[in-house]
Amino acid sequence: MVVFDLMLQQIFGATNAEVTFADGSSFTYDFPELIGLTLALMPDSSVRLSWNSRLGSTYQVESLDTLDNNDLGSNGWLSVGEPVPGTGTNNCLTLPAGGAQGFYRVRTIE
């Protein structure tokens, strides 16, 4: 039996790592999905949310109204729109102007 330590560092956007040993054996490690969410204020004052996605994953945008709750660990998150299927590139959702101040997150649901 051979015991070794191995550290893998995920590069943003990478979905897995394959490790091959000198004897030809190998294994693949699937990284948990890292979602990079960006927000942009559009000229009409709407807000555009963009995030990287994986083909085969489904995402749900959620919001937390800061007027009612500023505890990010709370159960007060509400779904914004319908679930969005991953495309393997960036997904986008535009929210209308005049929405309440708050926090947004995107989570993988499938």
Protein backbone atom coordinates (compact mmCIF):
# COMPACT_ATOMS: atom_id res chain seq x y z
CA MET A 1 0.00 0.00 0.00
CA VAL A 2 1.24 3.47 -0.87
CA VAL A 3 -0.01 6.45 1.08
CA PHE A 4 0.40 9.96 -0.29
CA ASP A 5 -0.96 13.45 0.12
CA LEU A 6 -2.39 15.23 -2.88
CA MET A 7 -3.59 18.79 -3.16
CA LEU A 8 -5.66 19.93 -6.13
CA GLN A 9 -6.27 23.60 -6.77
CA GLN A 10 -9.33 24.46 -8.82
CA ILE A 11 -8.88 26.97 -11.61
CA PHE A 12 -11.98 29.12 -12.06
CA GLY A 13 -14.21 27.43 -14.61
CA ALA A 14 -12.63 23.99 -14.23
CA THR A 15 -15.11 21.21 -13.60
CA ASN A 16 -12.77 18.34 -12.76
CA ALA A 17 -9.17 17.20 -12.51
CA GLU A 18 -7.70 13.93 -13.70
CA VAL A 19 -4.66 12.56 -11.90
CA THR A 20 -2.56 9.92 -13.66
CA PHE A 21 0.08 7.89 -11.84
CA ALA A 22 3.34 6.46 -13.20
CA ASP A 23 1.80 2.96 -13.39
CA GLY A 24 -0.92 4.28 -15.73
CA SER A 25 -3.75 4.18 -13.20
CA SER A 26 -5.76 7.36 -12.77
CA PHE A 27 -8.75 8.92 -11.08
CA THR A 28 -10.95 11.93 -11.77
CA TYR A 29 -12.07 14.37 -9.11
CA ASP A 30 -15.20 16.44 -9.79
CA PHE A 31 -14.92 19.88 -8.25
CA PRO A 32 -17.92 21.47 -6.59
CA GLU A 33 -19.32 24.17 -8.82
CA LEU A 34 -18.03 27.70 -8.24
CA ILE A 35 -20.49 30.34 -9.40
CA GLY A 36 -19.13 33.80 -10.17
CA LEU A 37 -22.05 36.25 -10.04
CA THR A 38 -21.70 39.75 -11.49
CA LEU A 39 -24.24 42.56 -11.49
CA ALA A 40 -24.38 45.41 -13.97
CA LEU A 41 -26.58 48.50 -13.92
CA MET A 42 -28.04 48.97 -17.39
CA PRO A 43 -28.76 52.39 -19.05
CA ASP A 44 -32.51 51.98 -18.36
CA SER A 45 -31.72 51.39 -14.63
CA SER A 46 -32.50 47.68 -14.82
CA VAL A 47 -29.99 45.28 -13.26
CA ARG A 48 -28.38 42.48 -15.23
CA LEU A 49 -27.13 39.44 -13.32
CA SER A 50 -24.62 37.19 -15.09
CA TRP A 51 -22.99 33.96 -13.93
CA ASN A 52 -20.91 31.15 -15.36
CA SER A 53 -22.82 27.92 -15.87
CA ARG A 54 -22.28 24.25 -16.57
CA LEU A 55 -24.16 22.37 -19.24
CA GLY A 56 -26.53 20.02 -17.44
CA SER A 57 -26.88 22.15 -14.27
CA THR A 58 -29.96 24.21 -13.41
CA TYR A 59 -29.77 27.50 -11.51
CA GLN A 60 -32.15 29.52 -9.38
CA VAL A 61 -31.63 33.24 -8.78
CA GLU A 62 -32.74 34.28 -5.29
CA SER A 63 -33.08 37.60 -3.50
CA LEU A 64 -33.13 38.74 0.11
CA ASP A 65 -34.80 42.07 0.91
CA THR A 66 -32.56 44.08 3.25
CA LEU A 67 -35.54 46.02 4.62
CA ASP A 68 -37.00 42.86 6.14
CA ASN A 69 -33.88 40.84 6.82
CA ASN A 70 -30.14 41.42 6.57
CA ASP A 71 -29.11 37.97 7.85
CA LEU A 72 -27.58 36.24 4.81
CA GLY A 73 -27.88 32.88 6.56
CA SER A 74 -31.63 33.21 7.05
CA ASN A 75 -34.42 31.30 5.36
CA GLY A 76 -35.81 34.54 3.89
CA TRP A 77 -34.37 34.04 0.37
CA LEU A 78 -37.05 34.22 -2.34
CA SER A 79 -36.86 32.80 -5.87
CA VAL A 80 -36.56 35.38 -8.65
CA GLY A 81 -38.05 34.08 -11.88
CA GLU A 82 -38.00 30.51 -13.10
CA PRO A 83 -35.04 28.10 -12.85
CA VAL A 84 -32.48 28.68 -15.61
CA PRO A 85 -30.80 25.77 -17.43
CA GLY A 86 -27.01 25.95 -17.72
CA THR A 87 -25.57 26.60 -21.16
CA GLY A 88 -21.89 25.92 -20.54
CA THR A 89 -21.23 29.66 -20.94
CA ASN A 90 -22.57 32.74 -19.13
CA ASN A 91 -26.23 32.85 -18.17
CA CYS A 92 -27.99 36.20 -17.70
CA LEU A 93 -31.14 37.49 -16.06
CA THR A 94 -32.27 41.12 -16.27
CA LEU A 95 -34.33 42.53 -13.39
CA PRO A 96 -36.58 45.53 -14.00
CA ALA A 97 -35.69 49.01 -12.76
CA GLY A 98 -37.06 50.15 -9.42
CA GLY A 99 -36.64 46.93 -7.48
CA ALA A 100 -36.03 46.90 -3.75
CA GLN A 101 -32.49 47.05 -2.40
CA GLY A 102 -31.24 43.70 -1.32
CA PHE A 103 -28.89 40.81 -1.89
CA TYR A 104 -28.86 38.35 -4.78
CA ARG A 105 -27.43 34.88 -5.10
CA VAL A 106 -27.49 32.07 -7.63
CA ARG A 107 -27.54 28.50 -6.49
CA THR A 108 -27.41 25.20 -8.31
CA ILE A 109 -30.64 23.24 -7.91
CA GLU A 110 -29.86 20.21 -10.12
